[in-house]
Amino acid sequence: HRLLSESVALPRAWRMIKSVMGQLDRVRY
């Protein structure tokens, strides 16, 4: 998913996604 953001030069979009992913990641794991 990070590579998708980088492929369109949107690194800050990925950082925004990652900043809210903590709660989701605990469930996904």
PDB file of all heavy atoms in Angstrom:
ATOM      1  N   HIS A   1       0.823  -1.207   0.000  1.00  0.00           N
ATOM      2  CA  HIS A   1       0.000   0.000   0.000  1.00  0.00           C
ATOM      3  C   HIS A   1       0.867   1.271   0.000  1.00  0.00           C
ATOM      4  O   HIS A   1       0.494   2.274  -0.609  1.00  0.00           O
ATOM      5  CB  HIS A   1      -0.964  -0.025   1.183  1.00  0.00           C
ATOM      6  CG  HIS A   1      -2.052  -1.049   1.031  1.00  0.00           C
ATOM      7  ND1 HIS A   1      -3.244  -0.774   0.410  1.00  0.00           N
ATOM      8  CD2 HIS A   1      -2.109  -2.361   1.388  1.00  0.00           C
ATOM      9  CE1 HIS A   1      -3.996  -1.860   0.396  1.00  0.00           C
ATOM     10  NE2 HIS A   1      -3.333  -2.836   0.983  1.00  0.00           N
ATOM     11  N   ARG A   2       2.017   1.199   0.676  1.00  0.00           N
ATOM     12  CA  ARG A   2       2.933   2.346   0.640  1.00  0.00           C
ATOM     13  C   ARG A   2       3.459   2.579  -0.769  1.00  0.00           C
ATOM     14  O   ARG A   2       3.535   3.723  -1.237  1.00  0.00           O
ATOM     15  CB  ARG A   2       4.095   2.113   1.610  1.00  0.00           C
ATOM     16  CG  ARG A   2       5.177   3.193   1.529  1.00  0.00           C
ATOM     17  CD  ARG A   2       6.303   2.936   2.520  1.00  0.00           C
ATOM     18  NE  ARG A   2       6.859   1.601   2.424  1.00  0.00           N
ATOM     19  CZ  ARG A   2       7.708   1.199   1.479  1.00  0.00           C
ATOM     20  NH1 ARG A   2       8.112   2.033   0.532  1.00  0.00           N
ATOM     21  NH2 ARG A   2       8.174  -0.043   1.486  1.00  0.00           N
ATOM     22  N   LEU A   3       3.797   1.502  -1.472  1.00  0.00           N
ATOM     23  CA  LEU A   3       4.306   1.620  -2.835  1.00  0.00           C
ATOM     24  C   LEU A   3       3.271   2.233  -3.772  1.00  0.00           C
ATOM     25  O   LEU A   3       3.615   2.973  -4.703  1.00  0.00           O
ATOM     26  CB  LEU A   3       4.734   0.244  -3.361  1.00  0.00           C
ATOM     27  CG  LEU A   3       6.064  -0.293  -2.833  1.00  0.00           C
ATOM     28  CD1 LEU A   3       6.211  -1.769  -3.179  1.00  0.00           C
ATOM     29  CD2 LEU A   3       7.228   0.513  -3.397  1.00  0.00           C
ATOM     30  N   LEU A   4       1.995   1.940  -3.523  1.00  0.00           N
ATOM     31  CA  LEU A   4       0.946   2.556  -4.338  1.00  0.00           C
ATOM     32  C   LEU A   4       0.998   4.075  -4.203  1.00  0.00           C
ATOM     33  O   LEU A   4       0.914   4.801  -5.203  1.00  0.00           O
ATOM     34  CB  LEU A   4      -0.423   2.031  -3.912  1.00  0.00           C
ATOM     35  CG  LEU A   4      -0.746   0.566  -4.240  1.00  0.00           C
ATOM     36  CD1 LEU A   4      -2.100   0.184  -3.648  1.00  0.00           C
ATOM     37  CD2 LEU A   4      -0.744   0.320  -5.746  1.00  0.00           C
ATOM     38  N   SER A   5       1.145   4.567  -2.961  1.00  0.00           N
ATOM     39  CA  SER A   5       1.228   6.015  -2.747  1.00  0.00           C
ATOM     40  C   SER A   5       2.481   6.596  -3.390  1.00  0.00           C
ATOM     41  O   SER A   5       2.439   7.661  -4.019  1.00  0.00           O
ATOM     42  CB  SER A   5       1.230   6.329  -1.245  1.00  0.00           C
ATOM     43  OG  SER A   5       0.005   5.994  -0.647  1.00  0.00           O
ATOM     44  N   GLU A   6       3.587   5.888  -3.242  1.00  0.00           N
ATOM     45  CA  GLU A   6       4.843   6.381  -3.803  1.00  0.00           C
ATOM     46  C   GLU A   6       4.811   6.382  -5.330  1.00  0.00           C
ATOM     47  O   GLU A   6       5.466   7.212  -5.969  1.00  0.00           O
ATOM     48  CB  GLU A   6       6.004   5.533  -3.301  1.00  0.00           C
ATOM     49  CG  GLU A   6       6.281   5.720  -1.808  1.00  0.00           C
ATOM     50  CD  GLU A   6       7.393   4.831  -1.292  1.00  0.00           C
ATOM     51  OE1 GLU A   6       7.882   3.981  -2.079  1.00  0.00           O
ATOM     52  OE2 GLU A   6       7.771   4.986  -0.116  1.00  0.00           O
ATOM     53  N   SER A   7       4.040   5.482  -5.912  1.00  0.00           N
ATOM     54  CA  SER A   7       3.994   5.390  -7.380  1.00  0.00           C
ATOM     55  C   SER A   7       3.356   6.620  -8.011  1.00  0.00           C
ATOM     56  O   SER A   7       3.543   6.879  -9.203  1.00  0.00           O
ATOM     57  CB  SER A   7       3.229   4.132  -7.812  1.00  0.00           C
ATOM     58  OG  SER A   7       1.827   4.287  -7.626  1.00  0.00           O
ATOM     59  N   VAL A   8       2.587   7.362  -7.215  1.00  0.00           N
ATOM     60  CA  VAL A   8       1.965   8.592  -7.724  1.00  0.00           C
ATOM     61  C   VAL A   8       2.477   9.809  -6.961  1.00  0.00           C
ATOM     62  O   VAL A   8       1.832  10.862  -6.936  1.00  0.00           O
ATOM     63  CB  VAL A   8       0.427   8.501  -7.667  1.00  0.00           C
ATOM     64  CG1 VAL A   8      -0.069   7.493  -8.671  1.00  0.00           C
ATOM     65  CG2 VAL A   8      -0.063   8.134  -6.272  1.00  0.00           C
ATOM     66  N   ALA A   9       3.643   9.657  -6.334  1.00  0.00           N
ATOM     67  CA  ALA A   9       4.319  10.764  -5.635  1.00  0.00           C
ATOM     68  C   ALA A   9       3.413  11.412  -4.591  1.00  0.00           C
ATOM     69  O   ALA A   9       3.294  12.640  -4.524  1.00  0.00           O
ATOM     70  CB  ALA A   9       4.823  11.801  -6.635  1.00  0.00           C
ATOM     71  N   LEU A  10       2.781  10.553  -3.760  1.00  0.00           N
ATOM     72  CA  LEU A  10       1.931  11.052  -2.677  1.00  0.00           C
ATOM     73  C   LEU A  10       2.399  10.484  -1.328  1.00  0.00           C
ATOM     74  O   LEU A  10       1.642   9.823  -0.618  1.00  0.00           O
ATOM     75  CB  LEU A  10       0.466  10.663  -2.922  1.00  0.00           C
ATOM     76  CG  LEU A  10      -0.211  11.306  -4.130  1.00  0.00           C
ATOM     77  CD1 LEU A  10      -1.597  10.713  -4.350  1.00  0.00           C
ATOM     78  CD2 LEU A  10      -0.311  12.824  -3.949  1.00  0.00           C
ATOM     79  N   PRO A  11       3.654  10.758  -0.943  1.00  0.00           N
ATOM     80  CA  PRO A  11       4.165  10.195   0.315  1.00  0.00           C
ATOM     81  C   PRO A  11       3.422  10.713   1.528  1.00  0.00           C
ATOM     82  O   PRO A  11       3.270  10.003   2.526  1.00  0.00           O
ATOM     83  CB  PRO A  11       5.637  10.615   0.325  1.00  0.00           C
ATOM     84  CG  PRO A  11       5.693  11.838  -0.549  1.00  0.00           C
ATOM     85  CD  PRO A  11       4.671  11.592  -1.619  1.00  0.00           C
ATOM     86  N   ARG A  12       2.940  11.956   1.489  1.00  0.00           N
ATOM     87  CA  ARG A  12       2.219  12.483   2.646  1.00  0.00           C
ATOM     88  C   ARG A  12       0.861  11.817   2.808  1.00  0.00           C
ATOM     89  O   ARG A  12       0.364  11.663   3.934  1.00  0.00           O
ATOM     90  CB  ARG A  12       2.077  13.999   2.540  1.00  0.00           C
ATOM     91  CG  ARG A  12       3.356  14.734   2.915  1.00  0.00           C
ATOM     92  CD  ARG A  12       3.183  16.237   2.924  1.00  0.00           C
ATOM     93  NE  ARG A  12       2.978  16.751   1.576  1.00  0.00           N
ATOM     94  CZ  ARG A  12       2.904  18.041   1.274  1.00  0.00           C
ATOM     95  NH1 ARG A  12       2.991  18.952   2.225  1.00  0.00           N
ATOM     96  NH2 ARG A  12       2.730  18.447   0.028  1.00  0.00           N
ATOM     97  N   ALA A  13       0.274  11.402   1.685  1.00  0.00           N
ATOM     98  CA  ALA A  13      -0.992  10.653   1.773  1.00  0.00           C
ATOM     99  C   ALA A  13      -0.757   9.341   2.515  1.00  0.00           C
ATOM    100  O   ALA A  13      -1.566   8.946   3.357  1.00  0.00           O
ATOM    101  CB  ALA A  13      -1.550  10.388   0.378  1.00  0.00           C
ATOM    102  N   TRP A  14       0.368   8.686   2.214  1.00  0.00           N
ATOM    103  CA  TRP A  14       0.665   7.441   2.920  1.00  0.00           C
ATOM    104  C   TRP A  14       0.913   7.694   4.396  1.00  0.00           C
ATOM    105  O   TRP A  14       0.443   6.941   5.253  1.00  0.00           O
ATOM    106  CB  TRP A  14       1.865   6.727   2.300  1.00  0.00           C
ATOM    107  CG  TRP A  14       2.322   5.591   3.176  1.00  0.00           C
ATOM    108  CD1 TRP A  14       3.475   5.502   3.887  1.00  0.00           C
ATOM    109  CD2 TRP A  14       1.575   4.405   3.472  1.00  0.00           C
ATOM    110  NE1 TRP A  14       3.506   4.335   4.610  1.00  0.00           N
ATOM    111  CE2 TRP A  14       2.348   3.644   4.367  1.00  0.00           C
ATOM    112  CE3 TRP A  14       0.338   3.925   3.059  1.00  0.00           C
ATOM    113  CZ2 TRP A  14       1.925   2.411   4.858  1.00  0.00           C
ATOM    114  CZ3 TRP A  14      -0.101   2.698   3.548  1.00  0.00           C
ATOM    115  CH2 TRP A  14       0.691   1.958   4.445  1.00  0.00           C
ATOM    116  N   ARG A  15       1.635   8.777   4.719  1.00  0.00           N
ATOM    117  CA  ARG A  15       1.896   9.077   6.120  1.00  0.00           C
ATOM    118  C   ARG A  15       0.588   9.351   6.866  1.00  0.00           C
ATOM    119  O   ARG A  15       0.438   8.996   8.037  1.00  0.00           O
ATOM    120  CB  ARG A  15       2.864  10.261   6.246  1.00  0.00           C
ATOM    121  CG  ARG A  15       4.289   9.925   5.827  1.00  0.00           C
ATOM    122  CD  ARG A  15       5.296  10.937   6.364  1.00  0.00           C
ATOM    123  NE  ARG A  15       5.125  12.253   5.777  1.00  0.00           N
ATOM    124  CZ  ARG A  15       5.706  12.641   4.638  1.00  0.00           C
ATOM    125  NH1 ARG A  15       6.464  11.801   3.959  1.00  0.00           N
ATOM    126  NH2 ARG A  15       5.533  13.872   4.186  1.00  0.00           N
ATOM    127  N   MET A  16      -0.362   9.975   6.191  1.00  0.00           N
ATOM    128  CA  MET A  16      -1.662  10.220   6.816  1.00  0.00           C
ATOM    129  C   MET A  16      -2.392   8.901   7.071  1.00  0.00           C
ATOM    130  O   MET A  16      -2.982   8.691   8.136  1.00  0.00           O
ATOM    131  CB  MET A  16      -2.514  11.130   5.926  1.00  0.00           C
ATOM    132  CG  MET A  16      -3.838  11.536   6.551  1.00  0.00           C
ATOM    133  SD  MET A  16      -4.779  12.672   5.507  1.00  0.00           S
ATOM    134  CE  MET A  16      -3.684  14.106   5.558  1.00  0.00           C
ATOM    135  N   ILE A  17      -2.354   8.000   6.096  1.00  0.00           N
ATOM    136  CA  ILE A  17      -2.972   6.682   6.280  1.00  0.00           C
ATOM    137  C   ILE A  17      -2.310   5.960   7.440  1.00  0.00           C
ATOM    138  O   ILE A  17      -2.980   5.426   8.328  1.00  0.00           O
ATOM    139  CB  ILE A  17      -2.857   5.846   4.988  1.00  0.00           C
ATOM    140  CG1 ILE A  17      -3.702   6.460   3.879  1.00  0.00           C
ATOM    141  CG2 ILE A  17      -3.296   4.401   5.242  1.00  0.00           C
ATOM    142  CD1 ILE A  17      -3.452   5.861   2.507  1.00  0.00           C
ATOM    143  N   LYS A  18      -0.995   5.958   7.458  1.00  0.00           N
ATOM    144  CA  LYS A  18      -0.261   5.225   8.490  1.00  0.00           C
ATOM    145  C   LYS A  18      -0.519   5.806   9.877  1.00  0.00           C
ATOM    146  O   LYS A  18      -0.567   5.069  10.865  1.00  0.00           O
ATOM    147  CB  LYS A  18       1.236   5.248   8.180  1.00  0.00           C
ATOM    148  CG  LYS A  18       2.057   4.344   9.095  1.00  0.00           C
ATOM    149  CD  LYS A  18       3.468   4.224   8.601  1.00  0.00           C
ATOM    150  CE  LYS A  18       4.335   3.420   9.583  1.00  0.00           C
ATOM    151  NZ  LYS A  18       3.813   2.064   9.797  1.00  0.00           N
ATOM    152  N   SER A  19      -0.736   7.124   9.955  1.00  0.00           N
ATOM    153  CA  SER A  19      -0.943   7.751  11.262  1.00  0.00           C
ATOM    154  C   SER A  19      -2.225   7.298  11.942  1.00  0.00           C
ATOM    155  O   SER A  19      -2.356   7.421  13.161  1.00  0.00           O
ATOM    156  CB  SER A  19      -0.941   9.286  11.115  1.00  0.00           C
ATOM    157  OG  SER A  19      -2.131   9.736  10.485  1.00  0.00           O
ATOM    158  N   VAL A  20      -3.186   6.786  11.153  1.00  0.00           N
ATOM    159  CA  VAL A  20      -4.453   6.331  11.750  1.00  0.00           C
ATOM    160  C   VAL A  20      -4.582   4.809  11.745  1.00  0.00           C
ATOM    161  O   VAL A  20      -5.620   4.266  12.141  1.00  0.00           O
ATOM    162  CB  VAL A  20      -5.672   6.948  11.017  1.00  0.00           C
ATOM    163  CG1 VAL A  20      -5.634   8.462  11.113  1.00  0.00           C
ATOM    164  CG2 VAL A  20      -5.753   6.492   9.565  1.00  0.00           C
ATOM    165  N   MET A  21      -3.529   4.132  11.291  1.00  0.00           N
ATOM    166  CA  MET A  21      -3.638   2.690  11.086  1.00  0.00           C
ATOM    167  C   MET A  21      -3.370   1.857  12.338  1.00  0.00           C
ATOM    168  O   MET A  21      -3.573   0.640  12.332  1.00  0.00           O
ATOM    169  CB  MET A  21      -2.675   2.246   9.981  1.00  0.00           C
ATOM    170  CG  MET A  21      -3.161   2.567   8.578  1.00  0.00           C
ATOM    171  SD  MET A  21      -4.578   1.563   8.082  1.00  0.00           S
ATOM    172  CE  MET A  21      -3.763  -0.016   7.840  1.00  0.00           C
ATOM    173  N   GLY A  22      -2.904   2.498  13.427  1.00  0.00           N
ATOM    174  CA  GLY A  22      -2.524   1.727  14.610  1.00  0.00           C
ATOM    175  C   GLY A  22      -3.636   0.844  15.131  1.00  0.00           C
ATOM    176  O   GLY A  22      -3.444  -0.360  15.378  1.00  0.00           O
ATOM    177  N   GLN A  23      -4.828   1.416  15.310  1.00  0.00           N
ATOM    178  CA  GLN A  23      -5.943   0.620  15.815  1.00  0.00           C
ATOM    179  C   GLN A  23      -6.332  -0.474  14.824  1.00  0.00           C
ATOM    180  O   GLN A  23      -6.606  -1.617  15.205  1.00  0.00           O
ATOM    181  CB  GLN A  23      -7.148   1.524  16.109  1.00  0.00           C
ATOM    182  CG  GLN A  23      -6.910   2.577  17.175  1.00  0.00           C
ATOM    183  CD  GLN A  23      -6.904   1.993  18.595  1.00  0.00           C
ATOM    184  OE1 GLN A  23      -6.652   0.814  18.808  1.00  0.00           O
ATOM    185  NE2 GLN A  23      -7.178   2.834  19.573  1.00  0.00           N
ATOM    186  N   LEU A  24      -6.350  -0.122  13.521  1.00  0.00           N
ATOM    187  CA  LEU A  24      -6.688  -1.124  12.507  1.00  0.00           C
ATOM    188  C   LEU A  24      -5.670  -2.252  12.471  1.00  0.00           C
ATOM    189  O   LEU A  24      -6.031  -3.424  12.331  1.00  0.00           O
ATOM    190  CB  LEU A  24      -6.743  -0.461  11.127  1.00  0.00           C
ATOM    191  CG  LEU A  24      -8.088   0.038  10.602  1.00  0.00           C
ATOM    192  CD1 LEU A  24      -7.892   0.706   9.250  1.00  0.00           C
ATOM    193  CD2 LEU A  24      -9.091  -1.096  10.484  1.00  0.00           C
ATOM    194  N   ASP A  25      -4.391  -1.908  12.569  1.00  0.00           N
ATOM    195  CA  ASP A  25      -3.345  -2.920  12.441  1.00  0.00           C
ATOM    196  C   ASP A  25      -3.417  -3.967  13.546  1.00  0.00           C
ATOM    197  O   ASP A  25      -3.115  -5.141  13.320  1.00  0.00           O
ATOM    198  CB  ASP A  25      -1.959  -2.264  12.433  1.00  0.00           C
ATOM    199  CG  ASP A  25      -1.630  -1.627  11.096  1.00  0.00           C
ATOM    200  OD1 ASP A  25      -2.329  -1.932  10.114  1.00  0.00           O
ATOM    201  OD2 ASP A  25      -0.687  -0.828  11.029  1.00  0.00           O
ATOM    202  N   ARG A  26      -3.796  -3.549  14.752  1.00  0.00           N
ATOM    203  CA  ARG A  26      -3.917  -4.537  15.826  1.00  0.00           C
ATOM    204  C   ARG A  26      -4.985  -5.574  15.497  1.00  0.00           C
ATOM    205  O   ARG A  26      -4.839  -6.754  15.811  1.00  0.00           O
ATOM    206  CB  ARG A  26      -4.232  -3.855  17.156  1.00  0.00           C
ATOM    207  CG  ARG A  26      -3.048  -3.119  17.739  1.00  0.00           C
ATOM    208  CD  ARG A  26      -3.236  -2.841  19.204  1.00  0.00           C
ATOM    209  NE  ARG A  26      -4.159  -1.735  19.440  1.00  0.00           N
ATOM    210  CZ  ARG A  26      -4.549  -1.350  20.649  1.00  0.00           C
ATOM    211  NH1 ARG A  26      -4.118  -2.005  21.718  1.00  0.00           N
ATOM    212  NH2 ARG A  26      -5.354  -0.316  20.795  1.00  0.00           N
ATOM    213  N   VAL A  27      -6.045  -5.125  14.833  1.00  0.00           N
ATOM    214  CA  VAL A  27      -7.106  -6.056  14.452  1.00  0.00           C
ATOM    215  C   VAL A  27      -6.658  -6.901  13.260  1.00  0.00           C
ATOM    216  O   VAL A  27      -6.858  -8.119  13.233  1.00  0.00           O
ATOM    217  CB  VAL A  27      -8.399  -5.290  14.108  1.00  0.00           C
ATOM    218  CG1 VAL A  27      -9.529  -6.271  13.828  1.00  0.00           C
ATOM    219  CG2 VAL A  27      -8.795  -4.357  15.244  1.00  0.00           C
ATOM    220  N   ARG A  28      -6.029  -6.245  12.282  1.00  0.00           N
ATOM    221  CA  ARG A  28      -5.605  -6.958  11.084  1.00  0.00           C
ATOM    222  C   ARG A  28      -4.611  -8.065  11.422  1.00  0.00           C
ATOM    223  O   ARG A  28      -4.617  -9.132  10.792  1.00  0.00           O
ATOM    224  CB  ARG A  28      -4.974  -5.978  10.084  1.00  0.00           C
ATOM    225  CG  ARG A  28      -6.001  -5.056   9.426  1.00  0.00           C
ATOM    226  CD  ARG A  28      -5.341  -3.946   8.615  1.00  0.00           C
ATOM    227  NE  ARG A  28      -4.452  -4.457   7.602  1.00  0.00           N
ATOM    228  CZ  ARG A  28      -3.165  -4.150   7.519  1.00  0.00           C
ATOM    229  NH1 ARG A  28      -2.613  -3.330   8.399  1.00  0.00           N
ATOM    230  NH2 ARG A  28      -2.422  -4.646   6.563  1.00  0.00           N
ATOM    231  N   TYR A  29      -3.759  -7.834  12.397  1.00  0.00           N
ATOM    232  CA  TYR A  29      -2.770  -8.855  12.740  1.00  0.00           C
ATOM    233  C   TYR A  29      -3.438 -10.104  13.318  1.00  0.00           C
ATOM    234  O   TYR A  29      -2.945 -11.219  13.132  1.00  0.00           O
ATOM    235  CB  TYR A  29      -1.738  -8.305  13.722  1.00  0.00           C
ATOM    236  CG  TYR A  29      -0.545  -9.229  13.875  1.00  0.00           C
ATOM    237  CD1 TYR A  29       0.369  -9.358  12.833  1.00  0.00           C
ATOM    238  CD2 TYR A  29      -0.356  -9.977  15.028  1.00  0.00           C
ATOM    239  CE1 TYR A  29       1.449 -10.214  12.948  1.00  0.00           C
ATOM    240  CE2 TYR A  29       0.723 -10.831  15.143  1.00  0.00           C
ATOM    241  CZ  TYR A  29       1.629 -10.948  14.100  1.00  0.00           C
ATOM    242  OH  TYR A  29       2.680 -11.807  14.212  1.00  0.00           O
TER     243      TYR A  29
END
